[in-house]
N, C-alpha and C. Protein backbone atom coordinates (compact mmCIF):
# COMPACT_ATOMS: atom_id res chain seq x y z
N MET A 1 141.34 -6.45 128.28
CA MET A 1 140.64 -6.47 126.94
C MET A 1 142.20 -6.95 126.25
N ARG A 2 141.82 -8.22 125.63
CA ARG A 2 142.73 -8.43 124.64
C ARG A 2 142.25 -8.29 123.18
N ILE A 3 143.41 -7.84 122.70
CA ILE A 3 143.32 -7.51 121.35
C ILE A 3 144.19 -8.42 120.41
N TYR A 4 143.71 -9.65 119.62
CA TYR A 4 144.39 -10.20 118.58
C TYR A 4 144.41 -9.55 117.14
N GLY A 5 145.57 -9.88 116.53
CA GLY A 5 145.67 -9.56 115.38
C GLY A 5 145.36 -10.51 114.28
N LEU A 6 144.35 -9.96 112.92
CA LEU A 6 143.77 -11.01 112.14
C LEU A 6 144.39 -11.07 110.54
N THR A 7 145.47 -11.76 110.21
CA THR A 7 146.10 -11.16 108.97
C THR A 7 146.11 -12.65 108.32
N GLY A 8 146.71 -12.15 107.10
CA GLY A 8 146.77 -13.24 106.22
C GLY A 8 147.44 -13.07 104.59
N GLY A 9 147.90 -13.99 104.23
CA GLY A 9 148.35 -13.55 102.54
C GLY A 9 146.92 -13.03 101.84
N ILE A 10 147.40 -12.14 101.08
CA ILE A 10 145.59 -11.70 100.07
C ILE A 10 145.20 -12.69 99.46
N ALA A 11 144.19 -13.09 99.74
CA ALA A 11 143.48 -13.80 99.28
C ALA A 11 142.89 -15.12 99.96
N SER A 12 143.86 -14.93 101.42
CA SER A 12 144.02 -16.70 101.65
C SER A 12 142.51 -16.92 102.41
N GLY A 13 141.74 -16.26 103.21
CA GLY A 13 140.22 -16.33 103.48
C GLY A 13 140.84 -15.21 104.60
N LYS A 14 141.13 -14.62 104.61
CA LYS A 14 140.74 -13.72 106.11
C LYS A 14 140.30 -13.31 106.29
N SER A 15 139.42 -13.11 105.09
CA SER A 15 137.67 -12.38 105.77
C SER A 15 136.59 -13.34 106.04
N THR A 16 136.73 -14.48 105.43
CA THR A 16 136.55 -15.41 105.89
C THR A 16 136.41 -15.80 107.10
N VAL A 17 137.31 -16.26 107.80
CA VAL A 17 137.80 -16.42 109.35
C VAL A 17 137.08 -15.51 110.31
N ALA A 18 137.39 -13.82 109.68
CA ALA A 18 136.67 -13.13 110.52
C ALA A 18 134.81 -13.15 110.60
N GLY A 19 134.57 -13.63 109.09
CA GLY A 19 133.18 -13.99 109.88
C GLY A 19 132.75 -14.40 110.58
N MET A 20 133.52 -15.84 110.11
CA MET A 20 133.23 -17.01 110.64
C MET A 20 133.34 -16.62 112.98
N LEU A 21 134.31 -15.94 113.02
CA LEU A 21 134.38 -15.21 114.09
C LEU A 21 132.95 -14.24 114.74
N ARG A 22 132.91 -13.74 113.32
CA ARG A 22 131.81 -12.87 114.07
C ARG A 22 130.67 -13.45 114.53
N GLY A 23 130.08 -14.90 113.41
CA GLY A 23 129.15 -15.83 113.47
C GLY A 23 129.12 -16.15 114.93
N LEU A 24 130.50 -16.29 115.56
CA LEU A 24 130.74 -16.96 116.98
C LEU A 24 130.12 -16.32 118.41
N GLY A 25 129.87 -14.82 117.84
CA GLY A 25 129.66 -13.67 118.25
C GLY A 25 131.22 -12.68 119.02
N ALA A 26 131.95 -12.75 118.36
CA ALA A 26 133.32 -12.32 118.48
C ALA A 26 133.38 -10.85 117.99
N THR A 27 133.96 -9.71 118.32
CA THR A 27 133.83 -8.19 117.60
C THR A 27 134.91 -8.25 116.91
N VAL A 28 134.87 -8.28 115.60
CA VAL A 28 135.88 -7.96 114.68
C VAL A 28 135.92 -6.64 114.11
N ILE A 29 137.36 -6.14 114.55
CA ILE A 29 137.57 -4.59 113.68
C ILE A 29 137.66 -4.58 112.83
N ASP A 30 137.36 -4.40 111.49
CA ASP A 30 138.14 -4.59 109.83
C ASP A 30 138.64 -3.31 109.57
N ALA A 31 140.01 -3.15 109.39
CA ALA A 31 140.90 -2.16 108.91
C ALA A 31 140.26 -1.38 106.99
N ASP A 32 139.67 -2.63 106.70
CA ASP A 32 139.46 -2.21 105.13
C ASP A 32 137.86 -1.20 104.97
N GLU A 33 137.31 -2.27 106.30
CA GLU A 33 135.54 -0.99 106.63
C GLU A 33 136.44 0.07 107.05
N ILE A 34 136.91 0.31 107.80
CA ILE A 34 137.63 1.63 108.34
C ILE A 34 137.75 2.60 107.19
N ALA A 35 138.49 1.97 106.20
CA ALA A 35 139.34 2.84 105.53
C ALA A 35 138.18 3.30 104.21
N ARG A 36 136.96 2.47 104.31
CA ARG A 36 136.08 2.93 103.87
C ARG A 36 135.80 4.24 103.75
N GLU A 37 135.27 3.98 105.49
CA GLU A 37 134.66 4.55 106.38
C GLU A 37 135.32 6.43 106.26
N VAL A 38 136.92 6.16 106.21
CA VAL A 38 137.73 7.44 106.32
C VAL A 38 138.02 8.09 105.20
N THR A 39 137.61 7.54 104.28
CA THR A 39 137.78 7.94 102.96
C THR A 39 136.40 8.10 101.69
N ALA A 40 135.54 8.36 102.58
CA ALA A 40 133.87 8.03 102.16
C ALA A 40 134.24 9.99 101.53
N PRO A 41 133.74 10.05 100.61
CA PRO A 41 133.73 11.34 99.62
C PRO A 41 133.44 13.32 100.73
N GLY A 42 134.12 13.69 100.75
CA GLY A 42 133.98 15.09 101.51
C GLY A 42 134.79 14.89 102.54
N THR A 43 135.30 13.59 103.21
CA THR A 43 136.28 13.63 103.77
C THR A 43 137.95 14.14 103.94
N PRO A 44 138.49 14.30 104.96
CA PRO A 44 139.88 14.91 104.72
C PRO A 44 140.84 13.92 104.09
N ALA A 45 140.78 12.66 103.98
CA ALA A 45 141.52 11.53 103.29
C ALA A 45 141.00 11.55 101.95
N TRP A 46 139.73 11.66 101.53
CA TRP A 46 139.28 11.52 100.23
C TRP A 46 139.63 12.74 99.25
N GLN A 47 139.62 13.66 100.21
CA GLN A 47 140.12 14.96 99.41
C GLN A 47 141.62 14.82 98.70
N GLU A 48 142.64 14.06 99.58
CA GLU A 48 143.84 13.92 99.75
C GLU A 48 144.19 12.78 98.18
N ILE A 49 143.58 12.01 98.29
CA ILE A 49 143.52 11.07 97.33
C ILE A 49 142.70 11.50 96.15
N ARG A 50 141.97 12.49 96.21
CA ARG A 50 141.14 13.36 94.56
C ARG A 50 142.64 14.25 94.33
N GLN A 51 142.91 14.88 94.93
CA GLN A 51 144.42 15.09 94.66
C GLN A 51 145.53 14.58 94.04
N HIS A 52 146.02 13.45 94.73
CA HIS A 52 147.24 12.56 94.32
C HIS A 52 146.81 11.77 92.79
N TRP A 53 145.41 11.18 92.97
CA TRP A 53 145.11 10.61 91.88
C TRP A 53 143.81 10.87 91.36
N PRO A 54 142.96 11.94 90.92
CA PRO A 54 141.97 12.23 90.39
C PRO A 54 141.66 11.12 89.63
N GLN A 55 142.24 10.63 88.77
CA GLN A 55 141.10 9.70 87.96
C GLN A 55 140.75 8.19 88.50
N VAL A 56 141.00 8.59 89.95
CA VAL A 56 140.53 7.06 90.33
C VAL A 56 138.89 8.14 91.42
N VAL A 57 138.57 9.10 90.81
CA VAL A 57 137.44 9.41 91.90
C VAL A 57 135.97 9.21 90.26
N LEU A 58 135.02 8.71 91.10
CA LEU A 58 133.80 8.35 89.81
C LEU A 58 133.22 10.10 89.74
N PRO A 59 132.51 9.91 89.32
CA PRO A 59 131.41 11.08 88.56
C PRO A 59 130.57 11.40 90.52
N ASP A 60 130.18 10.16 90.70
CA ASP A 60 129.16 10.34 91.68
C ASP A 60 129.96 10.96 93.04
N GLY A 61 131.36 10.93 92.96
CA GLY A 61 132.34 11.12 94.03
C GLY A 61 133.25 10.04 95.26
N GLN A 62 132.17 8.55 94.38
CA GLN A 62 133.12 8.11 95.01
C GLN A 62 134.34 7.09 94.64
N ILE A 63 135.27 6.60 95.19
CA ILE A 63 136.51 6.19 95.07
C ILE A 63 136.53 4.83 93.89
N ASP A 64 137.39 4.62 92.71
CA ASP A 64 137.02 3.37 92.36
C ASP A 64 138.04 2.87 92.61
N ARG A 65 137.50 2.12 93.74
CA ARG A 65 138.87 1.32 94.53
C ARG A 65 139.32 0.08 93.74
N ARG A 66 139.14 -0.48 92.89
CA ARG A 66 139.76 -1.21 91.71
C ARG A 66 140.94 -0.27 91.12
N LYS A 67 140.46 0.90 90.57
CA LYS A 67 141.14 1.60 89.84
C LYS A 67 142.26 1.94 90.66
N LEU A 68 142.09 2.53 92.11
CA LEU A 68 143.26 2.77 92.67
C LEU A 68 144.22 1.48 93.49
N GLY A 69 143.57 0.24 93.30
CA GLY A 69 144.21 -0.79 93.58
C GLY A 69 145.49 -1.00 92.49
N GLU A 70 144.66 -0.91 91.01
CA GLU A 70 145.58 -1.17 90.50
C GLU A 70 147.17 -0.47 90.35
N ILE A 71 146.39 0.64 90.96
CA ILE A 71 147.76 2.17 90.60
C ILE A 71 148.41 1.60 92.00
N VAL A 72 148.33 1.27 93.13
CA VAL A 72 149.10 0.89 94.50
C VAL A 72 149.61 -0.22 94.22
N PHE A 73 149.10 -1.44 93.74
CA PHE A 73 150.08 -2.47 93.52
C PHE A 73 150.92 -2.56 92.69
N SER A 74 150.86 -2.16 91.51
CA SER A 74 152.13 -1.79 90.96
C SER A 74 152.85 -0.45 91.28
N ASP A 75 153.06 0.21 91.96
CA ASP A 75 153.72 1.49 92.17
C ASP A 75 154.07 1.28 93.97
N ALA A 76 154.92 0.84 93.94
CA ALA A 76 155.68 1.38 95.58
C ALA A 76 155.15 2.46 96.12
N ALA A 77 155.86 3.67 95.91
CA ALA A 77 155.34 4.59 95.71
C ALA A 77 154.23 5.54 95.90
N ALA A 78 153.39 5.18 95.48
CA ALA A 78 152.01 5.46 95.11
C ALA A 78 151.64 4.61 96.28
N ARG A 79 151.69 2.96 96.91
CA ARG A 79 151.28 2.48 98.08
C ARG A 79 151.59 3.42 99.65
N LEU A 80 152.93 4.13 99.00
CA LEU A 80 153.55 4.55 100.78
C LEU A 80 152.54 6.19 100.59
N ASP A 81 152.61 6.25 99.40
CA ASP A 81 151.37 7.76 99.76
C ASP A 81 150.54 7.64 100.36
N LEU A 82 149.39 6.52 99.99
CA LEU A 82 148.08 6.57 100.25
C LEU A 82 147.96 5.82 101.56
N GLY A 83 149.26 5.51 102.08
CA GLY A 83 149.43 4.55 103.53
C GLY A 83 149.51 5.80 104.44
N GLU A 84 149.97 7.16 104.02
CA GLU A 84 150.37 8.20 104.87
C GLU A 84 149.07 8.93 105.19
N ILE A 85 148.32 8.45 103.82
CA ILE A 85 146.57 9.61 103.83
C ILE A 85 146.11 8.81 104.93
N THR A 86 146.06 7.04 105.11
CA THR A 86 145.13 6.84 105.32
C THR A 86 145.54 5.68 106.74
N HIS A 87 147.06 5.45 107.19
CA HIS A 87 146.88 4.61 108.30
C HIS A 87 146.88 5.38 109.63
N ALA A 88 146.79 7.07 109.78
CA ALA A 88 146.74 7.22 111.06
C ALA A 88 145.31 7.24 111.32
N ARG A 89 144.03 7.62 110.18
CA ARG A 89 143.34 7.66 110.57
C ARG A 89 142.43 7.08 110.69
N ILE A 90 143.50 5.64 110.22
CA ILE A 90 142.66 4.39 110.05
C ILE A 90 142.72 3.80 111.95
N GLY A 91 144.02 3.70 112.63
CA GLY A 91 144.48 4.13 113.72
C GLY A 91 143.55 4.69 114.87
N GLU A 92 142.93 5.79 114.56
CA GLU A 92 142.25 6.54 115.55
C GLU A 92 141.20 6.05 115.33
N ARG A 93 140.44 5.64 114.32
CA ARG A 93 138.99 4.90 114.12
C ARG A 93 139.25 3.37 115.33
N SER A 94 140.05 3.04 114.52
CA SER A 94 140.41 1.35 115.65
C SER A 94 140.64 1.61 116.88
N ALA A 95 141.14 2.44 117.31
CA ALA A 95 141.57 2.37 118.66
C ALA A 95 139.75 2.98 119.44
N ALA A 96 139.03 3.96 118.45
CA ALA A 96 137.68 4.27 119.58
C ALA A 96 137.25 3.16 119.37
N LEU A 97 136.73 2.33 118.29
CA LEU A 97 136.31 1.21 118.23
C LEU A 97 136.61 0.39 119.34
N ALA A 98 137.93 -0.27 119.50
CA ALA A 98 138.25 -0.91 120.50
C ALA A 98 138.24 -0.53 121.88
N GLN A 99 137.51 0.69 122.28
CA GLN A 99 137.61 1.21 123.50
C GLN A 99 136.12 1.17 123.69
N GLN A 100 135.29 1.45 122.58
CA GLN A 100 133.78 0.90 122.81
C GLN A 100 133.64 -0.47 123.31
N ALA A 101 134.73 -1.51 122.35
CA ALA A 101 134.22 -2.74 122.78
C ALA A 101 134.44 -3.09 124.76
N GLY A 102 135.58 -2.42 124.70
CA GLY A 102 135.93 -2.72 125.96
C GLY A 102 134.95 -1.98 127.28
N GLU A 103 134.50 -0.74 127.10
CA GLU A 103 133.45 -0.21 127.97
C GLU A 103 131.65 -1.12 127.56
N ARG A 104 132.29 -1.83 126.05
CA ARG A 104 130.84 -3.09 126.92
C ARG A 104 131.10 -4.26 127.73
N GLY A 105 132.33 -4.10 127.96
CA GLY A 105 132.90 -5.62 128.68
C GLY A 105 133.40 -6.32 127.97
N GLU A 106 133.77 -6.15 126.86
CA GLU A 106 134.25 -7.22 125.68
C GLU A 106 135.53 -7.73 126.74
N GLN A 107 135.51 -8.93 126.64
CA GLN A 107 137.53 -8.92 127.36
C GLN A 107 138.14 -9.72 126.06
N VAL A 108 137.81 -10.17 124.64
CA VAL A 108 138.54 -10.19 123.67
C VAL A 108 138.10 -9.99 122.23
N VAL A 109 138.98 -9.23 121.55
CA VAL A 109 138.68 -8.16 119.96
C VAL A 109 139.69 -9.13 118.98
N PHE A 110 138.82 -8.65 118.47
CA PHE A 110 140.28 -9.01 116.88
C PHE A 110 140.16 -7.60 116.14
N TYR A 111 141.34 -7.85 115.47
CA TYR A 111 141.74 -6.50 114.35
C TYR A 111 142.19 -6.90 113.36
N GLU A 112 141.49 -6.73 112.39
CA GLU A 112 141.59 -7.77 110.90
C GLU A 112 142.15 -7.05 110.12
N ALA A 113 143.77 -7.06 109.74
CA ALA A 113 144.40 -6.17 108.89
C ALA A 113 145.25 -6.93 107.51
N ALA A 114 145.70 -6.41 106.61
CA ALA A 114 146.27 -7.32 105.67
C ALA A 114 147.12 -6.68 106.08
N LEU A 115 148.28 -5.79 106.63
CA LEU A 115 149.38 -5.36 107.08
C LEU A 115 150.26 -5.22 107.76
N LEU A 116 149.37 -6.15 108.61
CA LEU A 116 149.96 -5.81 110.33
C LEU A 116 151.68 -6.39 110.31
N VAL A 117 151.98 -7.71 109.76
CA VAL A 117 153.66 -7.96 109.71
C VAL A 117 154.52 -6.80 108.57
N GLU A 118 154.09 -6.63 107.48
CA GLU A 118 154.50 -5.53 107.04
C GLU A 118 154.98 -4.25 107.62
N SER A 119 153.61 -3.68 108.18
CA SER A 119 153.43 -2.25 109.26
C SER A 119 154.72 -2.60 110.43
N GLY A 120 154.52 -3.23 110.80
CA GLY A 120 155.43 -3.56 112.55
C GLY A 120 154.26 -3.74 113.06
N LEU A 121 153.56 -3.54 113.20
CA LEU A 121 152.13 -3.56 114.14
C LEU A 121 151.75 -4.78 115.25
N ALA A 122 152.73 -6.12 114.41
CA ALA A 122 152.01 -7.25 114.68
C ALA A 122 152.31 -7.57 116.20
N GLY A 123 153.48 -6.96 116.51
CA GLY A 123 153.68 -7.51 117.98
C GLY A 123 153.24 -6.44 119.17
N GLN A 124 151.99 -5.75 118.80
CA GLN A 124 151.49 -4.61 119.58
C GLN A 124 150.28 -5.63 119.75
N PHE A 125 150.12 -6.64 119.24
CA PHE A 125 148.64 -7.26 119.96
C PHE A 125 149.42 -8.51 120.99
N ALA A 126 148.18 -8.99 121.46
CA ALA A 126 147.73 -10.36 122.86
C ALA A 126 148.33 -11.00 121.86
N GLY A 127 147.83 -11.55 120.67
CA GLY A 127 148.72 -12.78 119.59
C GLY A 127 148.17 -12.10 118.17
N LEU A 128 148.69 -13.31 117.28
CA LEU A 128 149.07 -12.92 115.84
C LEU A 128 148.78 -13.96 115.22
N ILE A 129 147.49 -14.20 114.45
CA ILE A 129 146.52 -14.81 113.93
C ILE A 129 146.69 -14.39 112.37
N VAL A 130 147.38 -16.04 111.47
CA VAL A 130 147.63 -15.72 110.47
C VAL A 130 146.46 -16.66 109.67
N VAL A 131 145.77 -16.43 108.44
CA VAL A 131 145.09 -17.04 107.82
C VAL A 131 145.84 -18.07 106.57
N SER A 132 146.04 -18.76 106.43
CA SER A 132 147.19 -19.74 105.72
C SER A 132 146.60 -20.29 104.03
N CYS A 133 146.96 -20.50 103.60
CA CYS A 133 146.66 -21.16 101.98
C CYS A 133 148.08 -21.73 100.96
N PRO A 134 147.87 -22.31 100.28
CA PRO A 134 148.70 -22.48 99.25
C PRO A 134 149.07 -21.03 98.49
N PRO A 135 150.45 -21.11 97.58
CA PRO A 135 150.63 -19.70 97.21
C PRO A 135 149.30 -19.78 95.60
N GLU A 136 149.27 -21.05 94.95
CA GLU A 136 148.26 -21.39 93.62
C GLU A 136 147.09 -21.05 94.43
N THR A 137 146.41 -21.39 95.03
CA THR A 137 145.03 -21.27 96.06
C THR A 137 144.92 -19.24 95.81
N GLN A 138 145.85 -18.65 96.16
CA GLN A 138 145.94 -17.46 96.42
C GLN A 138 145.78 -16.68 94.95
N GLN A 139 146.29 -17.08 94.43
CA GLN A 139 146.56 -16.72 93.01
C GLN A 139 145.19 -16.86 92.18
N MET A 140 144.63 -18.03 91.98
CA MET A 140 143.09 -18.51 91.68
C MET A 140 142.19 -17.70 92.48
N ARG A 141 142.26 -17.66 93.49
CA ARG A 141 140.94 -16.67 93.91
C ARG A 141 141.00 -15.24 93.51
N LEU A 142 142.62 -15.07 93.90
CA LEU A 142 142.22 -12.93 93.27
C LEU A 142 141.95 -12.90 91.79
N GLN A 143 142.39 -14.10 90.91
CA GLN A 143 142.08 -13.92 89.73
C GLN A 143 140.79 -13.89 89.66
N VAL A 144 139.57 -14.91 90.09
CA VAL A 144 137.79 -14.76 90.70
C VAL A 144 138.01 -13.98 90.95
N ARG A 145 137.72 -13.26 91.87
CA ARG A 145 137.88 -12.08 93.03
C ARG A 145 138.10 -11.15 92.19
N ASP A 146 138.86 -10.69 92.14
CA ASP A 146 139.74 -9.34 91.20
C ASP A 146 139.33 -9.16 90.20
N GLY A 147 139.00 -10.08 89.20
CA GLY A 147 138.90 -10.27 88.07
C GLY A 147 140.22 -9.99 86.98
N VAL A 148 141.17 -10.18 87.27
CA VAL A 148 142.30 -10.13 87.08
C VAL A 148 143.30 -11.40 86.59
N ASP A 149 144.16 -10.88 85.59
CA ASP A 149 145.29 -12.45 85.31
C ASP A 149 146.19 -12.31 85.88
N VAL A 150 146.61 -13.59 85.09
CA VAL A 150 147.59 -14.23 86.16
C VAL A 150 148.73 -12.97 86.41
N ALA A 151 149.24 -12.08 85.88
CA ALA A 151 150.16 -11.20 85.94
C ALA A 151 149.81 -9.96 86.61
N GLY A 152 148.33 -10.03 87.08
CA GLY A 152 147.70 -9.10 87.54
C GLY A 152 147.53 -9.75 89.57
N ALA A 153 147.27 -11.13 89.34
CA ALA A 153 147.19 -11.29 90.67
C ALA A 153 148.49 -11.55 91.32
N ARG A 154 149.21 -11.88 90.58
CA ARG A 154 150.94 -12.16 91.25
C ARG A 154 151.31 -10.41 91.46
N ALA A 155 151.23 -9.55 91.11
CA ALA A 155 151.77 -7.97 91.04
C ALA A 155 151.00 -7.92 92.95
N ARG A 156 149.23 -8.64 92.66
CA ARG A 156 149.10 -7.70 94.41
C ARG A 156 149.67 -8.61 95.48
N MET A 157 149.77 -10.03 94.92
CA MET A 157 150.81 -10.77 95.76
C MET A 157 151.68 -10.47 96.21
N ALA A 158 152.71 -9.79 95.26
CA ALA A 158 154.45 -9.49 95.42
C ALA A 158 153.84 -7.98 96.38
N SER A 159 152.91 -7.43 96.35
CA SER A 159 153.21 -6.18 97.43
C SER A 159 152.56 -6.15 98.29
N GLN A 160 152.90 -7.69 98.60
CA GLN A 160 152.92 -8.48 100.01
C GLN A 160 153.95 -9.14 100.34
N LEU A 161 154.36 -9.07 101.95
CA LEU A 161 155.49 -10.04 102.19
C LEU A 161 155.02 -11.71 101.82
N PRO A 162 155.51 -12.42 101.66
CA PRO A 162 155.41 -13.50 101.26
C PRO A 162 154.48 -14.42 103.00
N LEU A 163 153.87 -15.00 101.83
CA LEU A 163 152.96 -15.68 103.68
C LEU A 163 154.11 -16.40 104.56
N ALA A 164 154.94 -17.09 104.15
CA ALA A 164 155.68 -17.98 104.72
C ALA A 164 156.72 -16.72 105.70
N HIS A 165 156.30 -15.82 105.28
CA HIS A 165 157.03 -14.37 106.55
C HIS A 165 156.08 -14.48 107.40
N LYS A 166 155.01 -13.86 107.00
CA LYS A 166 153.86 -13.75 107.93
C LYS A 166 154.07 -15.21 109.14
N LEU A 167 153.94 -16.08 108.45
CA LEU A 167 153.34 -17.93 109.12
C LEU A 167 155.00 -17.70 110.15
N LYS A 168 155.67 -17.49 110.14
CA LYS A 168 157.02 -16.89 111.36
C LYS A 168 156.42 -15.95 112.53
N ALA A 169 155.67 -14.92 112.41
CA ALA A 169 154.84 -14.10 113.16
C ALA A 169 154.11 -14.47 113.96
N ALA A 170 153.18 -15.53 113.05
CA ALA A 170 152.40 -16.05 114.20
C ALA A 170 152.18 -16.58 115.26
N THR A 171 150.90 -16.63 116.19
CA THR A 171 151.00 -16.92 117.35
C THR A 171 150.09 -18.28 117.50
N HIS A 172 148.91 -18.02 116.13
CA HIS A 172 147.98 -18.89 115.82
C HIS A 172 147.96 -19.34 114.54
N VAL A 173 147.76 -20.51 113.70
CA VAL A 173 147.93 -20.39 112.41
C VAL A 173 146.16 -21.07 111.80
N VAL A 174 145.50 -20.70 111.19
CA VAL A 174 144.19 -21.02 111.15
C VAL A 174 144.35 -21.57 109.02
N ASP A 175 144.72 -22.64 108.65
CA ASP A 175 144.78 -23.55 107.47
C ASP A 175 143.30 -23.20 106.66
N ASN A 176 143.46 -22.41 105.79
CA ASN A 176 141.93 -22.10 105.16
C ASN A 176 142.33 -23.01 103.70
N SER A 177 143.04 -24.41 103.67
CA SER A 177 143.37 -24.93 102.25
C SER A 177 142.27 -25.33 102.00
N GLY A 178 141.85 -26.08 102.99
CA GLY A 178 140.34 -27.25 103.16
C GLY A 178 139.54 -27.01 102.58
N PRO A 179 138.27 -27.86 103.03
CA PRO A 179 137.03 -27.29 102.93
C PRO A 179 136.24 -26.20 103.71
N VAL A 180 135.18 -25.60 103.95
CA VAL A 180 134.92 -24.78 104.48
C VAL A 180 134.89 -25.63 105.82
N GLU A 181 134.14 -26.31 106.09
CA GLU A 181 133.65 -27.26 107.50
C GLU A 181 135.14 -27.53 108.25
N GLN A 182 136.09 -27.49 107.27
CA GLN A 182 137.14 -27.42 107.88
C GLN A 182 137.83 -26.39 108.69
N THR A 183 137.77 -25.10 108.11
CA THR A 183 138.16 -24.12 108.40
C THR A 183 137.32 -23.82 109.27
N ARG A 184 135.94 -23.68 109.74
CA ARG A 184 135.73 -23.51 110.28
C ARG A 184 134.97 -24.23 111.91
N ALA A 185 135.52 -25.65 111.83
CA ALA A 185 136.13 -26.13 113.09
C ALA A 185 137.32 -25.60 113.45
N ALA A 186 138.23 -25.04 112.69
CA ALA A 186 139.84 -24.56 113.38
C ALA A 186 139.25 -23.53 114.53
N VAL A 187 138.02 -22.28 113.56
CA VAL A 187 138.36 -20.93 114.18
C VAL A 187 137.72 -21.21 115.64
N THR A 188 136.34 -22.49 115.33
CA THR A 188 135.68 -22.38 116.49
C THR A 188 136.52 -22.67 117.75
N ALA A 189 137.48 -23.84 117.60
CA ALA A 189 138.17 -23.78 118.74
C ALA A 189 139.38 -22.84 118.78
N LEU A 190 139.63 -22.10 118.08
CA LEU A 190 140.90 -21.12 118.07
C LEU A 190 139.91 -20.31 119.25
N TRP A 191 138.13 -19.70 119.03
CA TRP A 191 137.67 -18.64 119.68
C TRP A 191 137.30 -19.18 121.10
N ARG A 192 137.09 -20.62 121.55
CA ARG A 192 136.81 -21.00 122.42
C ARG A 192 138.13 -21.07 123.06
N GLU A 193 139.39 -21.33 122.85
CA GLU A 193 140.33 -21.27 123.27
C GLU A 193 140.59 -19.47 124.05
N LEU A 194 140.65 -18.62 123.28
CA LEU A 194 141.42 -17.53 123.81
C LEU A 194 139.88 -16.82 124.12
N SER A 195 138.73 -17.36 123.96
CA SER A 195 137.76 -16.36 125.04
C SER A 195 137.55 -16.84 126.39
N GLY A 196 138.52 -18.22 126.35
CA GLY A 196 138.41 -19.17 127.82
C GLY A 196 136.97 -19.82 127.76
N ARG A 197 135.80 -19.51 126.70
CA ARG A 197 134.65 -20.29 127.10
C ARG A 197 134.59 -21.34 126.12
N ALA A 198 133.95 -22.67 126.83
CA ALA A 198 133.43 -23.71 126.87
C ALA A 198 132.98 -23.51 125.46
N GLY A 199 132.48 -22.41 125.18
CA GLY A 199 131.68 -22.33 123.72
C GLY A 199 130.53 -21.01 123.41
N GLY A 200 129.96 -20.83 122.61
CA GLY A 200 129.35 -19.19 122.85
C GLY A 200 130.21 -18.19 122.66
N PRO A 201 129.61 -16.77 122.83
CA PRO A 201 130.08 -15.16 122.65
C PRO A 201 131.04 -15.05 123.58
N ALA A 202 131.80 -14.48 124.16
CA ALA A 202 132.97 -14.18 125.55
C ALA A 202 132.16 -12.66 125.82
N ARG A 203 130.98 -12.23 125.64
CA ARG A 203 130.62 -11.15 126.25
C ARG A 203 129.76 -11.18 127.48
């Protein structure tokens, strides 16, 4: 089984590409989904987050992810603390899901995560797919998606490596700056290339 990393700049369209891959029959392991799972109320990671930042825990016990994001995107030390709480747990769960995919006979799996290059993990994959778009598009999408102003959007972008640095590590690039049909065509071609099929799922 080959595992390909899937990453991009914040709001570059990484999740859109992941959804297209799923639609083609691919298995995509989503680090953000796993992060929500391992930080669910009552888990060890949730307990540690509550100790560090009690203000982000809502009355029903759920984590206010927007508030937590505001904290870690503006404070590098807080970002490191959160990483220490979550990264190992996310890695363990991701490895288990990849193993399950292999046991099902799947030959190609994608691992979607925002910080693969920053964390030094990019080289561990069979290849690295980077989703790209212009910085001004990232900023606009962030303002709409997260409900933040220009300064807030720029702070989030600054918390990651510039997209140009990620592109240097890429083995495959999906340009998401044009119409959605153009992106879908690029993703379909990439899936066929990586799965070794003329079309359809690799399962």
